[in-house]
Amino acid sequence: MIDYSSGVPVYRQVANAIRDDITAGRYRPGAWLPSEAQLAQMYEVGRDTVREALAYLRAEGMITTVRKRGSMVAAEPIREPYPVSPGARVISRMPTPDERRDLATSAELREFGGMPEGVPVFEVIPGARKHRKVLRGDYVELIIDGPS
């Protein structure tokens, strides 16, 4: 399955294979993936390669990882529209530890101690003398107000 002569990094090939399994429904949202050791055996690669592949999928938002538990397929959340005024600045970034805790649902606080890793936030800065707003990137869809 892994083609070492393809020019595609091995960790990307593993990530692509796991992504294909997710999109084909082999692993459904909320399902735990096999352990790193099992994935390494399945794809005949080292655990470091599996870790890189999982980090790649986590950065895409395909999976979340819980320390000492493993990785699970991320659920597709319902996104709420959030209006953004023309002229506002929007910054996409990873949350601070405090934001991970403050923006987590009660279930996430119990299970993970905060938002799962890999979930970005949007920082909306509306303009002078207005307070910035930090929003979970997986729960909102930014809508620009005004004429297009």
N, C-alpha and C. Protein backbone atom coordinates (compact mmCIF):
# COMPACT_ATOMS: atom_id res chain seq x y z
N MET A 1 0.82 -1.19 0.00
CA MET A 1 0.00 0.00 0.00
C MET A 1 0.87 1.26 0.00
N ILE A 2 1.94 1.28 0.77
CA ILE A 2 2.84 2.43 0.80
C ILE A 2 3.82 2.30 -0.36
N ASP A 3 3.93 3.37 -1.14
CA ASP A 3 4.81 3.38 -2.30
C ASP A 3 5.99 4.31 -1.98
N TYR A 4 7.12 3.71 -1.63
CA TYR A 4 8.29 4.48 -1.23
C TYR A 4 8.94 5.22 -2.39
N SER A 5 8.58 4.87 -3.63
CA SER A 5 9.17 5.54 -4.79
C SER A 5 8.26 6.62 -5.38
N SER A 6 7.13 6.89 -4.74
CA SER A 6 6.14 7.82 -5.31
C SER A 6 6.54 9.29 -5.19
N GLY A 7 7.43 9.63 -4.27
CA GLY A 7 7.77 11.02 -4.04
C GLY A 7 6.86 11.68 -3.01
N VAL A 8 5.75 11.02 -2.64
CA VAL A 8 4.85 11.52 -1.61
C VAL A 8 5.38 11.03 -0.27
N PRO A 9 5.58 11.92 0.70
CA PRO A 9 6.09 11.47 2.00
C PRO A 9 5.23 10.33 2.57
N VAL A 10 5.88 9.41 3.23
CA VAL A 10 5.18 8.22 3.74
C VAL A 10 4.08 8.61 4.72
N TYR A 11 4.34 9.59 5.60
CA TYR A 11 3.31 9.97 6.56
C TYR A 11 2.07 10.51 5.85
N ARG A 12 2.27 11.20 4.70
CA ARG A 12 1.12 11.70 3.93
C ARG A 12 0.35 10.55 3.30
N GLN A 13 1.06 9.52 2.85
CA GLN A 13 0.38 8.35 2.29
C GLN A 13 -0.47 7.66 3.35
N VAL A 14 0.07 7.56 4.56
CA VAL A 14 -0.69 6.96 5.67
C VAL A 14 -1.89 7.85 6.00
N ALA A 15 -1.68 9.16 6.09
CA ALA A 15 -2.78 10.08 6.37
C ALA A 15 -3.86 9.97 5.29
N ASN A 16 -3.44 9.88 4.04
CA ASN A 16 -4.41 9.75 2.94
C ASN A 16 -5.21 8.46 3.05
N ALA A 17 -4.54 7.37 3.44
CA ALA A 17 -5.24 6.09 3.58
C ALA A 17 -6.25 6.14 4.72
N ILE A 18 -5.88 6.75 5.84
CA ILE A 18 -6.81 6.88 6.97
C ILE A 18 -7.97 7.80 6.58
N ARG A 19 -7.66 8.91 5.90
CA ARG A 19 -8.71 9.83 5.45
C ARG A 19 -9.68 9.10 4.52
N ASP A 20 -9.15 8.28 3.61
CA ASP A 20 -10.00 7.50 2.70
C ASP A 20 -10.92 6.57 3.48
N ASP A 21 -10.38 5.93 4.53
CA ASP A 21 -11.21 5.05 5.37
C ASP A 21 -12.31 5.83 6.07
N ILE A 22 -11.99 7.05 6.50
CA ILE A 22 -13.00 7.89 7.18
C ILE A 22 -14.09 8.29 6.19
N THR A 23 -13.69 8.77 5.02
CA THR A 23 -14.68 9.23 4.04
C THR A 23 -15.50 8.06 3.49
N ALA A 24 -14.94 6.86 3.46
CA ALA A 24 -15.67 5.67 2.99
C ALA A 24 -16.61 5.13 4.06
N GLY A 25 -16.51 5.67 5.30
CA GLY A 25 -17.40 5.23 6.37
C GLY A 25 -16.86 4.09 7.21
N ARG A 26 -15.62 3.67 6.97
CA ARG A 26 -15.05 2.60 7.80
C ARG A 26 -14.92 3.07 9.25
N TYR A 27 -14.54 4.33 9.41
CA TYR A 27 -14.50 4.96 10.73
C TYR A 27 -15.49 6.11 10.70
N ARG A 28 -16.50 6.05 11.51
CA ARG A 28 -17.57 7.07 11.52
C ARG A 28 -17.26 8.16 12.55
N PRO A 29 -17.90 9.32 12.44
CA PRO A 29 -17.68 10.38 13.43
C PRO A 29 -17.90 9.87 14.85
N GLY A 30 -16.94 10.17 15.72
CA GLY A 30 -17.00 9.73 17.11
C GLY A 30 -16.35 8.39 17.35
N ALA A 31 -15.99 7.66 16.29
CA ALA A 31 -15.35 6.35 16.44
C ALA A 31 -13.86 6.51 16.73
N TRP A 32 -13.36 5.63 17.58
CA TRP A 32 -11.93 5.63 17.89
C TRP A 32 -11.18 4.94 16.77
N LEU A 33 -10.05 5.51 16.38
CA LEU A 33 -9.17 4.86 15.41
C LEU A 33 -8.37 3.78 16.12
N PRO A 34 -7.82 2.83 15.37
CA PRO A 34 -6.91 1.87 16.00
C PRO A 34 -5.74 2.61 16.66
N SER A 35 -5.08 1.94 17.59
CA SER A 35 -3.95 2.55 18.30
C SER A 35 -2.80 2.83 17.33
N GLU A 36 -1.86 3.66 17.78
CA GLU A 36 -0.69 3.95 16.95
C GLU A 36 0.03 2.67 16.57
N ALA A 37 0.17 1.76 17.53
CA ALA A 37 0.87 0.49 17.26
C ALA A 37 0.11 -0.32 16.21
N GLN A 38 -1.21 -0.36 16.31
CA GLN A 38 -2.01 -1.11 15.34
C GLN A 38 -1.92 -0.48 13.95
N LEU A 39 -1.99 0.85 13.90
CA LEU A 39 -1.87 1.54 12.61
C LEU A 39 -0.50 1.30 11.99
N ALA A 40 0.54 1.34 12.82
CA ALA A 40 1.90 1.09 12.33
C ALA A 40 1.99 -0.31 11.72
N GLN A 41 1.38 -1.27 12.37
CA GLN A 41 1.39 -2.64 11.86
C GLN A 41 0.55 -2.75 10.58
N MET A 42 -0.61 -2.09 10.55
CA MET A 42 -1.49 -2.14 9.38
C MET A 42 -0.79 -1.59 8.13
N TYR A 43 -0.07 -0.48 8.29
CA TYR A 43 0.55 0.18 7.14
C TYR A 43 2.03 -0.16 6.99
N GLU A 44 2.53 -1.01 7.88
CA GLU A 44 3.92 -1.46 7.85
C GLU A 44 4.90 -0.29 7.84
N VAL A 45 4.67 0.62 8.80
CA VAL A 45 5.54 1.78 8.98
C VAL A 45 5.85 1.90 10.48
N GLY A 46 6.74 2.82 10.82
CA GLY A 46 7.07 3.05 12.22
C GLY A 46 6.03 3.91 12.92
N ARG A 47 6.04 3.86 14.24
CA ARG A 47 5.07 4.65 15.01
C ARG A 47 5.28 6.15 14.83
N ASP A 48 6.52 6.59 14.62
CA ASP A 48 6.77 8.01 14.37
C ASP A 48 6.06 8.47 13.10
N THR A 49 6.05 7.62 12.10
CA THR A 49 5.35 7.94 10.85
C THR A 49 3.85 8.04 11.10
N VAL A 50 3.31 7.13 11.90
CA VAL A 50 1.89 7.16 12.25
C VAL A 50 1.58 8.44 13.02
N ARG A 51 2.44 8.80 13.96
CA ARG A 51 2.22 10.04 14.73
C ARG A 51 2.17 11.26 13.81
N GLU A 52 3.09 11.31 12.82
CA GLU A 52 3.07 12.42 11.87
C GLU A 52 1.78 12.43 11.06
N ALA A 53 1.32 11.25 10.65
CA ALA A 53 0.09 11.16 9.87
C ALA A 53 -1.10 11.62 10.70
N LEU A 54 -1.15 11.21 11.96
CA LEU A 54 -2.25 11.63 12.83
C LEU A 54 -2.20 13.13 13.10
N ALA A 55 -1.01 13.68 13.26
CA ALA A 55 -0.87 15.12 13.46
C ALA A 55 -1.36 15.88 12.23
N TYR A 56 -1.09 15.35 11.07
CA TYR A 56 -1.54 15.96 9.82
C TYR A 56 -3.07 15.96 9.75
N LEU A 57 -3.70 14.83 10.09
CA LEU A 57 -5.16 14.73 10.08
C LEU A 57 -5.78 15.60 11.16
N ARG A 58 -5.11 15.71 12.30
CA ARG A 58 -5.59 16.57 13.39
C ARG A 58 -5.58 18.03 12.95
N ALA A 59 -4.51 18.44 12.25
CA ALA A 59 -4.41 19.81 11.77
C ALA A 59 -5.51 20.12 10.74
N GLU A 60 -5.94 19.11 10.00
CA GLU A 60 -7.04 19.27 9.04
C GLU A 60 -8.40 19.31 9.72
N GLY A 61 -8.45 18.88 10.98
CA GLY A 61 -9.72 18.80 11.67
C GLY A 61 -10.46 17.50 11.45
N MET A 62 -9.82 16.51 10.83
CA MET A 62 -10.46 15.22 10.56
C MET A 62 -10.58 14.37 11.83
N ILE A 63 -9.60 14.52 12.73
CA ILE A 63 -9.59 13.71 13.95
C ILE A 63 -9.28 14.61 15.14
N THR A 64 -9.58 14.10 16.32
CA THR A 64 -9.14 14.73 17.56
C THR A 64 -8.39 13.66 18.35
N THR A 65 -7.47 14.09 19.17
CA THR A 65 -6.68 13.15 19.95
C THR A 65 -6.83 13.46 21.43
N VAL A 66 -7.02 12.41 22.20
CA VAL A 66 -7.14 12.54 23.65
C VAL A 66 -5.95 11.82 24.26
N ARG A 67 -5.17 12.56 25.04
CA ARG A 67 -3.98 11.98 25.64
C ARG A 67 -4.32 10.72 26.43
N LYS A 68 -3.53 9.69 26.21
CA LYS A 68 -3.65 8.39 26.88
C LYS A 68 -4.90 7.62 26.48
N ARG A 69 -5.67 8.12 25.50
CA ARG A 69 -6.85 7.40 25.03
C ARG A 69 -6.74 7.04 23.57
N GLY A 70 -6.23 7.98 22.76
CA GLY A 70 -6.10 7.71 21.34
C GLY A 70 -6.73 8.80 20.50
N SER A 71 -6.99 8.48 19.24
CA SER A 71 -7.54 9.44 18.30
C SER A 71 -8.91 8.97 17.83
N MET A 72 -9.81 9.94 17.68
CA MET A 72 -11.16 9.62 17.20
C MET A 72 -11.51 10.51 16.02
N VAL A 73 -12.44 10.02 15.22
CA VAL A 73 -12.92 10.79 14.07
C VAL A 73 -13.74 11.95 14.60
N ALA A 74 -13.44 13.14 14.11
CA ALA A 74 -14.16 14.33 14.55
C ALA A 74 -15.58 14.32 13.99
N ALA A 75 -16.50 14.75 14.82
CA ALA A 75 -17.89 14.87 14.38
C ALA A 75 -18.03 16.14 13.55
N GLU A 76 -18.92 16.11 12.58
CA GLU A 76 -19.19 17.30 11.77
C GLU A 76 -20.22 18.14 12.50
N PRO A 77 -19.80 19.24 13.11
CA PRO A 77 -20.73 20.05 13.88
C PRO A 77 -21.65 20.88 13.00
N ILE A 78 -22.74 21.30 13.58
CA ILE A 78 -23.63 22.25 12.91
C ILE A 78 -23.03 23.63 13.14
N ARG A 79 -22.83 24.37 12.07
CA ARG A 79 -22.21 25.69 12.19
C ARG A 79 -23.27 26.78 12.22
N GLU A 80 -23.14 27.67 13.18
CA GLU A 80 -24.05 28.80 13.32
C GLU A 80 -23.49 29.98 12.54
N PRO A 81 -24.33 30.71 11.82
CA PRO A 81 -23.84 31.91 11.13
C PRO A 81 -23.46 32.99 12.14
N TYR A 82 -22.36 33.67 11.88
CA TYR A 82 -21.92 34.78 12.72
C TYR A 82 -21.63 35.96 11.80
N PRO A 83 -22.43 37.03 11.91
CA PRO A 83 -22.22 38.18 11.03
C PRO A 83 -20.96 38.96 11.40
N VAL A 84 -20.20 39.33 10.38
CA VAL A 84 -18.98 40.12 10.56
C VAL A 84 -19.16 41.42 9.78
N SER A 85 -18.98 42.54 10.45
CA SER A 85 -19.15 43.84 9.82
C SER A 85 -18.04 44.11 8.82
N PRO A 86 -18.36 44.82 7.73
CA PRO A 86 -17.30 45.21 6.80
C PRO A 86 -16.26 46.04 7.54
N GLY A 87 -15.01 45.81 7.25
CA GLY A 87 -13.94 46.53 7.91
C GLY A 87 -13.40 45.84 9.14
N ALA A 88 -14.12 44.83 9.63
CA ALA A 88 -13.62 44.08 10.80
C ALA A 88 -12.45 43.21 10.36
N ARG A 89 -11.57 42.95 11.29
CA ARG A 89 -10.45 42.03 11.03
C ARG A 89 -10.80 40.68 11.62
N VAL A 90 -10.43 39.62 10.92
CA VAL A 90 -10.65 38.27 11.41
C VAL A 90 -9.32 37.54 11.35
N ILE A 91 -8.94 36.96 12.47
CA ILE A 91 -7.69 36.21 12.56
C ILE A 91 -8.05 34.78 12.92
N SER A 92 -7.51 33.84 12.18
CA SER A 92 -7.68 32.42 12.49
C SER A 92 -6.40 31.94 13.16
N ARG A 93 -6.55 31.28 14.30
CA ARG A 93 -5.37 30.82 15.05
C ARG A 93 -5.78 29.67 15.96
N MET A 94 -4.79 29.08 16.59
CA MET A 94 -5.07 28.05 17.59
C MET A 94 -5.35 28.74 18.92
N PRO A 95 -6.23 28.16 19.74
CA PRO A 95 -6.61 28.80 20.99
C PRO A 95 -5.52 28.70 22.06
N THR A 96 -5.58 29.64 22.99
CA THR A 96 -4.73 29.57 24.18
C THR A 96 -5.30 28.50 25.10
N PRO A 97 -4.54 28.04 26.09
CA PRO A 97 -5.10 27.07 27.04
C PRO A 97 -6.37 27.58 27.74
N ASP A 98 -6.39 28.86 28.11
CA ASP A 98 -7.60 29.41 28.74
C ASP A 98 -8.78 29.39 27.78
N GLU A 99 -8.56 29.72 26.52
CA GLU A 99 -9.64 29.69 25.54
C GLU A 99 -10.13 28.27 25.30
N ARG A 100 -9.20 27.31 25.27
CA ARG A 100 -9.63 25.91 25.11
C ARG A 100 -10.58 25.51 26.23
N ARG A 101 -10.31 25.97 27.43
CA ARG A 101 -11.18 25.66 28.57
C ARG A 101 -12.48 26.45 28.50
N ASP A 102 -12.38 27.75 28.23
CA ASP A 102 -13.56 28.63 28.24
C ASP A 102 -14.54 28.32 27.12
N LEU A 103 -14.06 27.88 25.97
CA LEU A 103 -14.93 27.63 24.82
C LEU A 103 -15.40 26.18 24.71
N ALA A 104 -14.97 25.34 25.64
CA ALA A 104 -15.36 23.92 25.60
C ALA A 104 -16.79 23.74 26.08
N THR A 105 -17.42 22.71 25.54
CA THR A 105 -18.74 22.31 26.05
C THR A 105 -18.53 21.59 27.37
N SER A 106 -19.59 21.41 28.13
CA SER A 106 -19.44 20.71 29.41
C SER A 106 -18.98 19.27 29.20
N ALA A 107 -19.45 18.64 28.14
CA ALA A 107 -19.02 17.26 27.85
C ALA A 107 -17.53 17.22 27.52
N GLU A 108 -17.04 18.22 26.75
CA GLU A 108 -15.62 18.27 26.42
C GLU A 108 -14.77 18.53 27.65
N LEU A 109 -15.28 19.36 28.56
CA LEU A 109 -14.55 19.61 29.80
C LEU A 109 -14.41 18.32 30.60
N ARG A 110 -15.48 17.55 30.69
CA ARG A 110 -15.42 16.29 31.43
C ARG A 110 -14.50 15.29 30.75
N GLU A 111 -14.62 15.18 29.42
CA GLU A 111 -13.87 14.15 28.69
C GLU A 111 -12.43 14.53 28.42
N PHE A 112 -12.20 15.79 27.98
CA PHE A 112 -10.87 16.18 27.52
C PHE A 112 -10.21 17.24 28.38
N GLY A 113 -10.96 17.89 29.27
CA GLY A 113 -10.42 19.00 30.04
C GLY A 113 -10.45 20.31 29.27
N GLY A 114 -11.11 20.34 28.13
CA GLY A 114 -11.22 21.53 27.29
C GLY A 114 -11.56 21.13 25.88
N MET A 115 -11.51 22.10 24.96
CA MET A 115 -11.75 21.79 23.55
C MET A 115 -10.72 20.77 23.09
N PRO A 116 -11.11 19.87 22.19
CA PRO A 116 -10.12 18.93 21.65
C PRO A 116 -9.00 19.67 20.92
N GLU A 117 -7.82 19.08 20.91
CA GLU A 117 -6.69 19.67 20.20
C GLU A 117 -7.01 19.73 18.71
N GLY A 118 -6.48 20.73 18.05
CA GLY A 118 -6.64 20.85 16.61
C GLY A 118 -7.82 21.69 16.19
N VAL A 119 -8.61 22.19 17.14
CA VAL A 119 -9.76 23.04 16.80
C VAL A 119 -9.31 24.49 16.82
N PRO A 120 -9.36 25.17 15.67
CA PRO A 120 -8.93 26.58 15.64
C PRO A 120 -10.01 27.51 16.17
N VAL A 121 -9.64 28.75 16.39
CA VAL A 121 -10.59 29.79 16.76
C VAL A 121 -10.48 30.93 15.76
N PHE A 122 -11.55 31.72 15.67
CA PHE A 122 -11.55 32.96 14.91
C PHE A 122 -11.57 34.09 15.93
N GLU A 123 -10.67 35.03 15.77
CA GLU A 123 -10.68 36.23 16.59
C GLU A 123 -11.21 37.35 15.71
N VAL A 124 -12.39 37.85 16.07
CA VAL A 124 -13.02 38.91 15.29
C VAL A 124 -12.79 40.23 16.01
N ILE A 125 -12.15 41.17 15.32
CA ILE A 125 -11.84 42.49 15.87
C ILE A 125 -12.65 43.50 15.06
N PRO A 126 -13.81 43.94 15.60
CA PRO A 126 -14.73 44.76 14.82
C PRO A 126 -14.22 46.16 14.48
N GLY A 127 -13.40 46.75 15.27
CA GLY A 127 -12.91 48.11 14.99
C GLY A 127 -12.54 48.81 16.28
N ALA A 128 -12.25 50.08 16.16
CA ALA A 128 -11.83 50.86 17.32
C ALA A 128 -12.91 50.87 18.39
N ARG A 129 -12.47 50.77 19.63
CA ARG A 129 -13.32 50.86 20.82
C ARG A 129 -14.38 49.76 20.92
N LYS A 130 -14.22 48.72 20.16
CA LYS A 130 -15.15 47.60 20.27
C LYS A 130 -14.37 46.39 20.75
N HIS A 131 -15.04 45.56 21.49
CA HIS A 131 -14.38 44.39 22.08
C HIS A 131 -14.24 43.27 21.05
N ARG A 132 -13.11 42.63 21.12
CA ARG A 132 -12.88 41.50 20.23
C ARG A 132 -13.71 40.31 20.70
N LYS A 133 -13.97 39.40 19.81
CA LYS A 133 -14.75 38.20 20.11
C LYS A 133 -13.95 37.01 19.60
N VAL A 134 -13.82 35.96 20.44
CA VAL A 134 -13.13 34.75 20.04
C VAL A 134 -14.18 33.66 19.91
N LEU A 135 -14.21 33.02 18.73
CA LEU A 135 -15.22 32.03 18.40
C LEU A 135 -14.57 30.71 17.99
N ARG A 136 -15.21 29.62 18.31
CA ARG A 136 -14.72 28.31 17.88
C ARG A 136 -14.84 28.18 16.37
N GLY A 137 -13.77 27.80 15.73
CA GLY A 137 -13.78 27.66 14.28
C GLY A 137 -14.63 26.52 13.78
N ASP A 138 -14.91 25.53 14.63
CA ASP A 138 -15.71 24.39 14.18
C ASP A 138 -17.21 24.59 14.41
N TYR A 139 -17.61 25.69 15.03
CA TYR A 139 -19.02 25.91 15.34
C TYR A 139 -19.63 27.11 14.62
N VAL A 140 -18.81 27.91 13.94
CA VAL A 140 -19.35 29.12 13.30
C VAL A 140 -19.03 29.16 11.82
N GLU A 141 -19.86 29.87 11.11
CA GLU A 141 -19.61 30.22 9.72
C GLU A 141 -19.66 31.74 9.67
N LEU A 142 -18.56 32.35 9.30
CA LEU A 142 -18.48 33.80 9.27
C LEU A 142 -19.22 34.33 8.04
N ILE A 143 -20.12 35.27 8.27
CA ILE A 143 -20.90 35.89 7.20
C ILE A 143 -20.57 37.38 7.19
N ILE A 144 -20.11 37.89 6.05
CA ILE A 144 -19.76 39.30 5.93
C ILE A 144 -21.05 40.09 5.69
N ASP A 145 -21.34 41.07 6.56
CA ASP A 145 -22.51 41.94 6.41
C ASP A 145 -22.24 42.98 5.35
N GLY A 146 -23.30 43.50 4.78
CA GLY A 146 -23.17 44.61 3.86
C GLY A 146 -23.07 44.17 2.42
N PRO A 147 -22.92 45.13 1.53
CA PRO A 147 -22.87 44.83 0.09
C PRO A 147 -21.61 44.05 -0.25
N SER A 148 -21.73 43.20 -1.24
CA SER A 148 -20.57 42.39 -1.64
C SER A 148 -19.85 42.99 -2.82
